[in-house]
Amino acid sequence: MAALLAAPLGALLLGALPANASPDPKLSVSDVQLSKTAVSVSGLAVTKVDVTVKAGYNSDDPQDENTVLTVYLDRIAGSGIIDDIGTVALKRTAGTLKNGTWTGVLNVGSAANGTFKVTGVGDGVYGDMGGGMPDDPTAFDGPSIAVTGTHIPKVSHVQTPAVVPAGKPYSIKWMVTDSATGKPYGTPVPLELGNGFSCQETATHGVTVKTDAAGNYIEKFTAAEQGDDICGSIRVDPYPTTTDRFYAKRSGVLSAVPSKTSAKVGTNVPVNGTLTGYATGCRVYLQKLRGASQWRDVGSALVRSSGRFTLTATPAVKGKIYYRAHLPEGCGGYIELISKTFTITGL
């Protein structure tokens, strides 16, 4: 979980191609066809595009007879909130496993505004992570489709309380609105909610709820869930599109106490600290007062799963030296926290 707390939220996977291994050597693709070269989609509507793939899967294993394929498309023009989309699982409808035709649909939502090109075909369902590291798609230079998306949905949130104390429950009000008008669509909207791992992988679905007609939904969280990132998205089967992902903004208590209040110059003095709440992986900094008001970082440490951390202070001169611990704003949703000032006297 430490990596989740420290990771930037801007890197959320939205329609991202699985890229963890080499393409499956058993799969060969000879042709990919889309039934449309251009579509217009507005608001919450979804346009279906028929997809036909001619391919072969070189296997004699009976368990592979029902192999499904997924076509992946990359954005090649325009700018939008998603850069990659994929088809539903295509099923073999003609021929044999080694020389067959797979058919199905590409669902296109308004968020896919721009031009997308077929760049690969993979065996298995979209973004499948169930078996660990999936194969990369087999590269294929395929056709393109131009998408004109209007009145694209926007997902946003309000947290109550705005800053939640560590260990306390809170709620998130989710809101789905028309990005063009700022108003709700006037109909309940399916909204996929997740936290922690379900915000990380495209193939991992969260819990789908429905907003009210005003586009609102209230989600309640317990204190135990404060360490996870939170996300709400609209999914156009099988890929998520519009997404709001964040950490709940929260406060805590940061404390730090030196193991000694005096030490010879140049001696390392452990400073034991604690941070309330779920903070594994957050980095706390030891600061030393320089002059009348300038605090300077002189060391850092990661918070352990126990909520404890250990800094090291090294008096460089004789006399009383002022220190404090500092947690910058951002990690795991924490606001900036500063411990009480303490002193170590250099001897």
Protein backbone atom coordinates (compact mmCIF):
# COMPACT_ATOMS: atom_id res chain seq x y z
CA MET A 1 0.00 0.00 0.00
CA ALA A 2 2.96 2.33 0.43
CA ALA A 3 3.25 2.71 -3.31
CA LEU A 4 -0.40 3.67 -3.58
CA LEU A 5 -0.05 6.40 -0.99
CA ALA A 6 2.95 7.91 -2.64
CA ALA A 7 1.84 7.59 -6.26
CA PRO A 8 0.58 10.62 -8.18
CA LEU A 9 -3.09 10.40 -9.06
CA GLY A 10 -2.69 11.81 -12.53
CA ALA A 11 -1.44 8.45 -13.77
CA LEU A 12 -4.74 6.65 -13.44
CA LEU A 13 -5.14 3.91 -16.05
CA LEU A 14 -8.04 4.86 -18.30
CA GLY A 15 -8.30 2.45 -21.18
CA ALA A 16 -4.58 1.73 -20.97
CA LEU A 17 -3.18 -1.14 -22.98
CA PRO A 18 -1.83 -4.01 -20.90
CA ALA A 19 1.94 -3.83 -21.33
CA ASN A 20 3.60 -6.29 -19.04
CA ALA A 21 4.89 -9.08 -21.27
CA SER A 22 5.49 -10.11 -24.88
CA PRO A 23 2.65 -10.79 -27.33
CA ASP A 24 1.20 -14.30 -27.25
CA PRO A 25 3.18 -16.25 -29.90
CA LYS A 26 0.16 -18.46 -30.59
CA LEU A 27 -1.92 -15.53 -31.89
CA SER A 28 -1.67 -14.28 -35.47
CA VAL A 29 -3.94 -11.61 -36.95
CA SER A 30 -4.62 -11.17 -40.68
CA ASP A 31 -7.42 -8.60 -40.76
CA VAL A 32 -9.46 -6.25 -38.58
CA GLN A 33 -12.56 -4.47 -39.87
CA LEU A 34 -14.76 -1.79 -38.27
CA SER A 35 -18.31 -1.29 -39.57
CA LYS A 36 -18.03 2.50 -39.28
CA THR A 37 -15.29 5.03 -39.95
CA ALA A 38 -16.95 7.91 -38.09
CA VAL A 39 -19.57 8.27 -35.35
CA SER A 40 -21.16 11.09 -33.36
CA VAL A 41 -21.98 10.48 -29.71
CA SER A 42 -23.62 12.86 -27.26
CA GLY A 43 -23.91 12.80 -23.48
CA LEU A 44 -24.47 9.41 -21.90
CA ALA A 45 -25.28 7.67 -25.18
CA VAL A 46 -23.20 4.74 -26.46
CA THR A 47 -22.76 3.93 -30.15
CA LYS A 48 -22.05 0.35 -31.14
CA VAL A 49 -19.57 -0.39 -33.94
CA ASP A 50 -19.38 -3.92 -35.32
CA VAL A 51 -15.89 -5.43 -35.29
CA THR A 52 -14.66 -8.39 -37.33
CA VAL A 53 -11.27 -10.03 -36.82
CA LYS A 54 -9.72 -12.75 -38.95
CA ALA A 55 -7.08 -14.52 -36.93
CA GLY A 56 -5.62 -17.81 -35.85
CA TYR A 57 -4.74 -19.21 -32.46
CA ASN A 58 -2.20 -22.00 -32.89
CA SER A 59 -3.25 -24.43 -30.19
CA ASP A 60 -4.54 -27.99 -30.02
CA ASP A 61 -5.61 -27.65 -26.40
CA PRO A 62 -9.41 -28.15 -26.13
CA GLN A 63 -9.47 -25.52 -23.39
CA ASP A 64 -8.47 -22.89 -25.96
CA GLU A 65 -11.46 -23.57 -28.24
CA ASN A 66 -13.41 -20.74 -26.60
CA THR A 67 -10.57 -18.20 -26.80
CA VAL A 68 -11.90 -14.65 -27.05
CA LEU A 69 -10.11 -11.68 -28.59
CA THR A 70 -10.00 -7.96 -27.76
CA VAL A 71 -9.15 -5.22 -30.24
CA TYR A 72 -7.29 -2.20 -28.82
CA LEU A 73 -7.36 1.27 -30.35
CA ASP A 74 -5.03 4.23 -29.63
CA ARG A 75 -5.85 7.90 -30.02
CA ILE A 76 -4.04 9.35 -33.05
CA ALA A 77 -5.77 12.75 -33.32
CA GLY A 78 -7.61 15.18 -31.10
CA SER A 79 -7.35 15.56 -27.36
CA GLY A 80 -9.60 14.08 -24.75
CA ILE A 81 -9.86 12.50 -21.33
CA ILE A 82 -9.06 8.98 -22.56
CA ASP A 83 -6.31 7.91 -24.96
CA ASP A 84 -7.12 4.21 -25.47
CA ILE A 85 -10.29 2.17 -25.92
CA GLY A 86 -11.05 -1.50 -26.48
CA THR A 87 -13.77 -3.84 -27.68
CA VAL A 88 -15.87 -6.22 -25.67
CA ALA A 89 -14.65 -9.82 -25.79
CA LEU A 90 -14.97 -10.98 -29.41
CA LYS A 91 -16.19 -14.56 -29.90
CA ARG A 92 -15.32 -16.90 -32.73
CA THR A 93 -18.32 -17.09 -35.07
CA ALA A 94 -16.83 -18.86 -38.10
CA GLY A 95 -13.94 -21.09 -39.09
CA THR A 96 -11.60 -22.91 -36.77
CA LEU A 97 -9.48 -21.84 -33.84
CA LYS A 98 -6.38 -21.85 -36.07
CA ASN A 99 -8.12 -20.04 -38.94
CA GLY A 100 -11.26 -18.30 -37.85
CA THR A 101 -13.39 -15.19 -37.66
CA TRP A 102 -14.13 -13.41 -34.40
CA THR A 103 -16.93 -10.83 -34.15
CA GLY A 104 -18.36 -8.45 -31.56
CA VAL A 105 -18.73 -4.75 -30.88
CA LEU A 106 -16.77 -1.67 -29.95
CA ASN A 107 -18.81 0.52 -27.62
CA VAL A 108 -18.05 4.21 -28.14
CA GLY A 109 -18.98 6.88 -25.61
CA SER A 110 -18.81 10.65 -25.95
CA ALA A 111 -15.63 10.77 -23.85
CA ALA A 112 -13.78 9.08 -26.74
CA ASN A 113 -13.77 12.36 -28.64
CA GLY A 114 -11.09 12.27 -31.37
CA THR A 115 -9.70 9.75 -33.83
CA PHE A 116 -8.71 6.27 -32.73
CA LYS A 117 -6.78 3.63 -34.67
CA VAL A 118 -6.60 -0.13 -34.26
CA THR A 119 -3.09 -0.89 -33.03
CA GLY A 120 -3.33 -4.38 -31.59
CA VAL A 121 -5.35 -7.51 -30.85
CA GLY A 122 -5.02 -9.48 -27.65
CA ASP A 123 -6.37 -12.84 -26.57
CA GLY A 124 -8.60 -12.62 -23.51
CA VAL A 125 -10.87 -9.89 -22.23
CA TYR A 126 -9.97 -6.22 -22.09
CA GLY A 127 -7.12 -5.47 -19.66
CA ASP A 128 -7.35 -8.95 -18.15
CA MET A 129 -5.26 -9.12 -14.95
CA GLY A 130 -6.81 -12.27 -13.55
CA GLY A 131 -3.86 -14.48 -14.51
CA GLY A 132 -1.16 -12.11 -13.30
CA MET A 133 0.87 -10.40 -16.00
CA PRO A 134 -1.15 -10.56 -19.26
CA ASP A 135 0.35 -10.85 -22.71
CA ASP A 136 0.81 -7.67 -24.71
CA PRO A 137 -1.56 -7.29 -27.66
CA THR A 138 -0.28 -8.56 -30.97
CA ALA A 139 0.52 -5.43 -32.98
CA PHE A 140 -1.73 -4.78 -35.97
CA ASP A 141 -1.93 -1.74 -38.24
CA GLY A 142 -5.69 -1.49 -38.56
CA PRO A 143 -8.45 0.94 -39.52
CA SER A 144 -9.36 4.19 -37.76
CA ILE A 145 -12.59 5.66 -36.48
CA ALA A 146 -13.31 9.37 -35.97
CA VAL A 147 -15.43 10.10 -32.91
CA THR A 148 -17.27 13.39 -32.44
CA GLY A 149 -18.17 13.52 -28.76
CA THR A 150 -20.35 16.27 -27.33
CA HIS A 151 -21.86 16.99 -23.91
CA ILE A 152 -19.24 14.70 -22.37
CA PRO A 153 -20.07 13.66 -18.78
CA LYS A 154 -17.98 15.00 -15.91
CA VAL A 155 -17.54 13.22 -12.56
CA SER A 156 -16.70 15.34 -9.50
CA HIS A 157 -17.00 15.12 -5.72
CA VAL A 158 -17.43 16.98 -2.45
CA GLN A 159 -16.03 15.54 0.79
CA THR A 160 -17.77 15.94 4.16
CA PRO A 161 -16.12 17.02 6.39
CA ALA A 162 -13.75 18.88 4.07
CA VAL A 163 -10.82 17.65 6.20
CA VAL A 164 -11.52 14.47 8.15
CA PRO A 165 -9.59 13.74 11.36
CA ALA A 166 -7.63 10.47 11.25
CA GLY A 167 -9.73 7.60 12.51
CA LYS A 168 -13.08 9.26 11.82
CA PRO A 169 -15.71 8.38 9.18
CA TYR A 170 -16.57 10.68 6.30
CA SER A 171 -18.71 10.79 3.17
CA ILE A 172 -18.25 11.65 -0.49
CA LYS A 173 -20.99 13.25 -2.56
CA TRP A 174 -20.46 12.18 -6.15
CA MET A 175 -21.83 14.38 -8.93
CA VAL A 176 -22.25 13.59 -12.62
CA THR A 177 -22.88 16.61 -14.84
CA ASP A 178 -22.78 17.63 -18.49
CA SER A 179 -19.34 19.20 -19.00
CA ALA A 180 -20.79 21.51 -21.66
CA THR A 181 -23.61 22.95 -19.55
CA GLY A 182 -22.58 22.15 -15.97
CA LYS A 183 -26.05 20.71 -15.38
CA PRO A 184 -27.15 17.13 -14.60
CA TYR A 185 -28.62 14.96 -17.33
CA GLY A 186 -31.94 14.60 -15.51
CA THR A 187 -31.71 10.82 -15.34
CA PRO A 188 -29.99 8.31 -13.01
CA VAL A 189 -26.45 7.54 -14.16
CA PRO A 190 -24.57 4.26 -13.50
CA LEU A 191 -21.43 5.21 -11.60
CA GLU A 192 -18.62 2.79 -10.80
CA LEU A 193 -17.04 3.40 -7.39
CA GLY A 194 -13.77 1.94 -6.17
CA ASN A 195 -11.00 2.41 -3.67
CA GLY A 196 -7.50 1.02 -3.37
CA PHE A 197 -6.72 -1.76 -5.87
CA SER A 198 -9.94 -1.28 -7.88
CA CYS A 199 -8.68 2.20 -8.80
CA GLN A 200 -5.42 0.79 -10.17
CA GLU A 201 -6.30 -1.78 -12.82
CA THR A 202 -8.58 -1.35 -15.80
CA ALA A 203 -9.88 -4.91 -15.52
CA THR A 204 -10.84 -4.60 -11.87
CA HIS A 205 -14.37 -3.33 -11.52
CA GLY A 206 -15.54 -1.48 -8.44
CA VAL A 207 -19.15 -1.39 -7.24
CA THR A 208 -21.68 0.06 -9.66
CA VAL A 209 -24.37 2.30 -8.19
CA LYS A 210 -26.89 4.68 -9.69
CA THR A 211 -27.06 8.38 -9.00
CA ASP A 212 -30.37 10.13 -8.48
CA ALA A 213 -31.93 12.09 -11.34
CA ALA A 214 -29.86 15.12 -10.29
CA GLY A 215 -26.68 13.09 -10.84
CA ASN A 216 -25.81 12.79 -7.14
CA TYR A 217 -24.82 9.83 -4.98
CA ILE A 218 -23.62 9.78 -1.35
CA GLU A 219 -20.92 7.23 -0.47
CA LYS A 220 -19.97 6.67 3.17
CA PHE A 221 -16.55 5.54 4.37
CA THR A 222 -15.31 4.11 7.64
CA ALA A 223 -12.08 5.12 9.30
CA ALA A 224 -10.45 1.90 8.11
CA GLU A 225 -10.76 3.04 4.49
CA GLN A 226 -8.94 6.33 4.89
CA GLY A 227 -5.64 5.08 3.53
CA ASP A 228 -6.92 4.18 0.07
CA ASP A 229 -7.29 6.32 -2.97
CA ILE A 230 -10.91 6.72 -4.09
CA CYS A 231 -12.32 6.78 -7.60
CA GLY A 232 -15.61 7.20 -9.35
CA SER A 233 -15.95 6.56 -13.07
CA ILE A 234 -18.39 6.03 -15.88
CA ARG A 235 -17.65 2.78 -17.69
CA VAL A 236 -18.41 2.24 -21.36
CA ASP A 237 -18.18 -1.54 -21.51
CA PRO A 238 -15.45 -2.69 -21.09
CA TYR A 239 -13.32 0.41 -20.38
CA PRO A 240 -13.65 3.28 -17.86
CA THR A 241 -13.95 6.78 -19.31
CA THR A 242 -14.65 9.87 -17.21
CA THR A 243 -12.99 9.40 -13.81
CA ASP A 244 -12.46 11.40 -10.64
CA ARG A 245 -9.70 9.89 -8.49
CA PHE A 246 -8.24 11.30 -5.28
CA TYR A 247 -7.33 10.69 -1.65
CA ALA A 248 -9.73 11.86 1.02
CA LYS A 249 -8.31 15.03 2.54
CA ARG A 250 -7.47 14.30 6.17
CA SER A 251 -5.61 15.51 9.21
CA GLY A 252 -3.67 13.67 11.88
CA VAL A 253 -1.31 14.14 14.78
CA LEU A 254 2.42 14.22 14.09
CA SER A 255 4.73 13.82 17.06
CA ALA A 256 8.51 13.48 17.42
CA VAL A 257 10.63 12.99 20.55
CA PRO A 258 14.45 12.74 20.66
CA SER A 259 15.99 9.82 22.54
CA LYS A 260 18.37 12.33 24.17
CA THR A 261 18.01 16.03 24.89
CA SER A 262 21.77 16.57 24.78
CA ALA A 263 24.65 14.92 22.96
CA LYS A 264 28.21 15.59 21.90
CA VAL A 265 28.63 17.49 18.64
CA GLY A 266 28.61 15.03 15.72
CA THR A 267 26.69 12.34 17.62
CA ASN A 268 23.63 10.80 15.94
CA VAL A 269 20.51 11.07 18.07
CA PRO A 270 17.48 8.91 17.12
CA VAL A 271 14.22 10.86 17.03
CA ASN A 272 11.20 8.61 17.46
CA GLY A 273 7.94 9.78 15.96
CA THR A 274 4.37 8.73 15.25
CA LEU A 275 1.74 9.76 12.73
CA THR A 276 -1.88 8.94 13.49
CA GLY A 277 -3.98 7.30 10.80
CA TYR A 278 -3.04 5.07 7.89
CA ALA A 279 0.21 6.55 6.62
CA THR A 280 2.46 3.70 5.51
CA GLY A 281 4.97 4.95 2.96
CA CYS A 282 4.58 8.66 3.71
CA ARG A 283 7.88 10.51 4.12
CA VAL A 284 8.39 12.68 7.19
CA TYR A 285 11.17 15.27 7.28
CA LEU A 286 13.33 16.39 10.18
CA GLN A 287 13.75 20.16 10.12
CA LYS A 288 16.23 22.34 11.97
CA LEU A 289 15.65 25.99 12.79
CA ARG A 290 18.06 28.28 11.04
CA GLY A 291 18.11 31.87 12.23
CA ALA A 292 14.91 33.27 13.72
CA SER A 293 12.31 31.63 11.49
CA GLN A 294 13.81 29.58 8.66
CA TRP A 295 13.33 25.81 8.88
CA ARG A 296 15.64 23.62 6.81
CA ASP A 297 15.27 19.89 6.03
CA VAL A 298 18.15 17.89 7.48
CA GLY A 299 16.85 14.33 7.14
CA SER A 300 13.81 12.18 6.41
CA ALA A 301 12.26 8.78 7.09
CA LEU A 302 9.35 6.68 5.88
CA VAL A 303 6.39 5.94 8.12
CA ARG A 304 6.15 2.23 8.95
CA SER A 305 2.94 0.18 9.04
CA SER A 306 2.78 0.80 12.79
CA GLY A 307 2.52 4.54 12.17
CA ARG A 308 5.99 5.03 13.66
CA PHE A 309 9.10 6.50 12.07
CA THR A 310 12.66 7.20 13.20
CA LEU A 311 14.61 10.29 12.22
CA THR A 312 18.22 11.08 13.03
CA ALA A 313 19.38 14.41 14.45
CA THR A 314 23.09 15.22 14.54
CA PRO A 315 24.03 18.34 16.53
CA ALA A 316 26.66 20.22 14.51
CA VAL A 317 27.47 22.96 17.01
CA LYS A 318 27.47 23.48 20.74
CA GLY A 319 24.37 24.96 22.33
CA LYS A 320 20.60 24.48 22.05
CA ILE A 321 19.37 23.45 18.61
CA TYR A 322 15.67 23.56 17.66
CA TYR A 323 14.11 20.74 15.63
CA ARG A 324 10.67 19.64 14.46
CA ALA A 325 9.12 16.94 12.25
CA HIS A 326 7.29 17.97 9.10
CA LEU A 327 4.86 16.10 6.85
CA PRO A 328 4.23 17.99 3.59
CA GLU A 329 0.70 18.12 2.25
CA GLY A 330 -0.32 15.44 -0.22
CA CYS A 331 0.80 11.99 0.85
CA GLY A 332 -2.27 9.80 1.31
CA GLY A 333 -4.45 12.91 1.35
CA TYR A 334 -2.87 14.37 4.51
CA ILE A 335 -2.84 18.11 4.96
CA GLU A 336 0.47 19.60 6.07
CA LEU A 337 1.37 18.49 9.59
CA ILE A 338 4.06 19.84 11.92
CA SER A 339 5.12 18.38 15.26
CA LYS A 340 5.83 20.36 18.40
CA THR A 341 9.31 21.89 18.41
CA PHE A 342 11.93 20.10 20.51
CA THR A 343 15.55 20.83 21.34
CA ILE A 344 18.80 18.95 21.51
CA THR A 345 21.76 20.63 23.17
CA GLY A 346 25.10 20.11 21.49
CA LEU A 347 27.93 19.49 24.01
